[in-house]
Amino acid sequence: MENGAFGFYLKELNHYLKLNYPLSVTYQKDKFVVKYPDLTGCEMSGPNLEKLYSKIERLRQTWIENRLQYQIQIPMPNSHLCL
């Protein structure tokens, strides 16, 4: 990736990471399930909510990075409500 393209990538990444995507938290069958409804597939589950929160944040960043890398559209926050 050229310097100009890399700078644009970082700017876009920072933009999406600053957006306030709603996080859904539910409790099912002795475990928490956390997911970002706008970011398809960005979800995980486990018994410890605090650990899940830090892991889901890393997953969100990786999810966004992958979409940017492959030039796939990234939905805006609350876009799942517009269906």
C-alpha atoms as a PDB file:
ATOM      1  CA  MET A   1       0.000   0.000   0.000  1.00  0.00           C
ATOM      2  CA  GLU A   2       1.425   3.356  -1.010  1.00  0.00           C
ATOM      3  CA  ASN A   3       1.913   6.092   1.583  1.00  0.00           C
ATOM      4  CA  GLY A   4      -1.044   8.126   0.306  1.00  0.00           C
ATOM      5  CA  ALA A   5      -3.312   5.088   0.239  1.00  0.00           C
ATOM      6  CA  PHE A   6      -2.151   4.025   3.694  1.00  0.00           C
ATOM      7  CA  GLY A   7      -2.870   7.496   5.073  1.00  0.00           C
ATOM      8  CA  PHE A   8      -6.370   7.373   3.599  1.00  0.00           C
ATOM      9  CA  TYR A   9      -6.864   3.874   5.074  1.00  0.00           C
ATOM     10  CA  LEU A  10      -5.867   5.085   8.558  1.00  0.00           C
ATOM     11  CA  LYS A  11      -8.140   8.110   8.261  1.00  0.00           C
ATOM     12  CA  GLU A  12     -11.077   5.898   7.274  1.00  0.00           C
ATOM     13  CA  LEU A  13     -10.281   3.369  10.018  1.00  0.00           C
ATOM     14  CA  ASN A  14     -10.178   6.084  12.674  1.00  0.00           C
ATOM     15  CA  HIS A  15     -13.431   7.529  11.362  1.00  0.00           C
ATOM     16  CA  TYR A  16     -15.306   4.226  11.698  1.00  0.00           C
ATOM     17  CA  LEU A  17     -13.743   3.372  15.056  1.00  0.00           C
ATOM     18  CA  LYS A  18     -14.989   6.676  16.487  1.00  0.00           C
ATOM     19  CA  LEU A  19     -18.584   6.010  15.436  1.00  0.00           C
ATOM     20  CA  ASN A  20     -20.963   4.943  18.176  1.00  0.00           C
ATOM     21  CA  TYR A  21     -22.250   1.556  17.027  1.00  0.00           C
ATOM     22  CA  PRO A  22     -24.944   0.180  19.335  1.00  0.00           C
ATOM     23  CA  LEU A  23     -23.934  -2.955  21.218  1.00  0.00           C
ATOM     24  CA  SER A  24     -26.536  -5.578  22.046  1.00  0.00           C
ATOM     25  CA  VAL A  25     -26.040  -7.637  25.223  1.00  0.00           C
ATOM     26  CA  THR A  26     -28.283 -10.566  26.116  1.00  0.00           C
ATOM     27  CA  TYR A  27     -28.032 -13.436  28.561  1.00  0.00           C
ATOM     28  CA  GLN A  28     -28.886 -16.882  27.209  1.00  0.00           C
ATOM     29  CA  LYS A  29     -28.290 -20.335  28.669  1.00  0.00           C
ATOM     30  CA  ASP A  30     -25.721 -19.320  31.308  1.00  0.00           C
ATOM     31  CA  LYS A  31     -23.712 -17.048  28.999  1.00  0.00           C
ATOM     32  CA  PHE A  32     -23.706 -13.500  27.721  1.00  0.00           C
ATOM     33  CA  VAL A  33     -24.095 -12.829  24.011  1.00  0.00           C
ATOM     34  CA  VAL A  34     -22.735  -9.512  22.740  1.00  0.00           C
ATOM     35  CA  LYS A  35     -23.033  -8.256  19.189  1.00  0.00           C
ATOM     36  CA  TYR A  36     -23.036  -5.194  17.006  1.00  0.00           C
ATOM     37  CA  PRO A  37     -26.334  -5.449  15.070  1.00  0.00           C
ATOM     38  CA  ASP A  38     -25.008  -3.185  12.293  1.00  0.00           C
ATOM     39  CA  LEU A  39     -21.842  -5.232  11.758  1.00  0.00           C
ATOM     40  CA  THR A  40     -23.019  -8.598  10.445  1.00  0.00           C
ATOM     41  CA  GLY A  41     -21.192 -11.459  12.136  1.00  0.00           C
ATOM     42  CA  CYS A  42     -19.529  -9.254  14.734  1.00  0.00           C
ATOM     43  CA  GLU A  43     -20.684 -11.167  17.803  1.00  0.00           C
ATOM     44  CA  MET A  44     -19.417 -13.516  20.494  1.00  0.00           C
ATOM     45  CA  SER A  45     -20.517 -15.161  23.699  1.00  0.00           C
ATOM     46  CA  GLY A  46     -19.098 -16.255  27.031  1.00  0.00           C
ATOM     47  CA  PRO A  47     -19.640 -16.288  30.797  1.00  0.00           C
ATOM     48  CA  ASN A  48     -17.677 -13.121  31.656  1.00  0.00           C
ATOM     49  CA  LEU A  49     -19.179  -9.868  30.382  1.00  0.00           C
ATOM     50  CA  GLU A  50     -16.121  -7.747  31.189  1.00  0.00           C
ATOM     51  CA  LYS A  51     -13.809  -9.997  29.149  1.00  0.00           C
ATOM     52  CA  LEU A  52     -16.343 -10.148  26.340  1.00  0.00           C
ATOM     53  CA  TYR A  53     -16.467  -6.381  26.116  1.00  0.00           C
ATOM     54  CA  SER A  54     -12.727  -6.044  25.479  1.00  0.00           C
ATOM     55  CA  LYS A  55     -12.795  -8.937  23.009  1.00  0.00           C
ATOM     56  CA  ILE A  56     -15.779  -7.579  21.071  1.00  0.00           C
ATOM     57  CA  GLU A  57     -14.028  -4.214  20.743  1.00  0.00           C
ATOM     58  CA  ARG A  58     -11.000  -5.929  19.190  1.00  0.00           C
ATOM     59  CA  LEU A  59     -13.319  -7.932  16.935  1.00  0.00           C
ATOM     60  CA  ARG A  60     -15.084  -4.725  15.828  1.00  0.00           C
ATOM     61  CA  GLN A  61     -11.751  -3.165  14.872  1.00  0.00           C
ATOM     62  CA  THR A  62     -10.688  -6.263  12.944  1.00  0.00           C
ATOM     63  CA  TRP A  63     -14.098  -6.417  11.241  1.00  0.00           C
ATOM     64  CA  ILE A  64     -13.785  -2.803  10.093  1.00  0.00           C
ATOM     65  CA  GLU A  65     -10.140  -3.244   9.035  1.00  0.00           C
ATOM     66  CA  ASN A  66     -11.045  -6.245   6.869  1.00  0.00           C
ATOM     67  CA  ARG A  67     -13.911  -4.394   5.192  1.00  0.00           C
ATOM     68  CA  LEU A  68     -11.645  -1.432   4.441  1.00  0.00           C
ATOM     69  CA  GLN A  69      -8.870  -3.683   3.132  1.00  0.00           C
ATOM     70  CA  TYR A  70     -11.209  -5.404   0.684  1.00  0.00           C
ATOM     71  CA  GLN A  71     -13.104  -2.188  -0.109  1.00  0.00           C
ATOM     72  CA  ILE A  72     -16.430  -3.544   1.141  1.00  0.00           C
ATOM     73  CA  GLN A  73     -19.017  -1.016   2.275  1.00  0.00           C
ATOM     74  CA  ILE A  74     -19.229  -0.466   6.036  1.00  0.00           C
ATOM     75  CA  PRO A  75     -22.686   0.317   7.399  1.00  0.00           C
ATOM     76  CA  MET A  76     -23.308   3.372   9.511  1.00  0.00           C
ATOM     77  CA  PRO A  77     -24.499   3.032  13.119  1.00  0.00           C
ATOM     78  CA  ASN A  78     -28.176   2.150  13.539  1.00  0.00           C
ATOM     79  CA  SER A  79     -28.522   1.145   9.888  1.00  0.00           C
ATOM     80  CA  HIS A  80     -30.067  -2.126  11.091  1.00  0.00           C
ATOM     81  CA  LEU A  81     -33.097  -0.065  12.180  1.00  0.00           C
ATOM     82  CA  CYS A  82     -33.753   1.063   8.605  1.00  0.00           C
ATOM     83  CA  LEU A  83     -34.546  -2.379   7.222  1.00  0.00           C
END
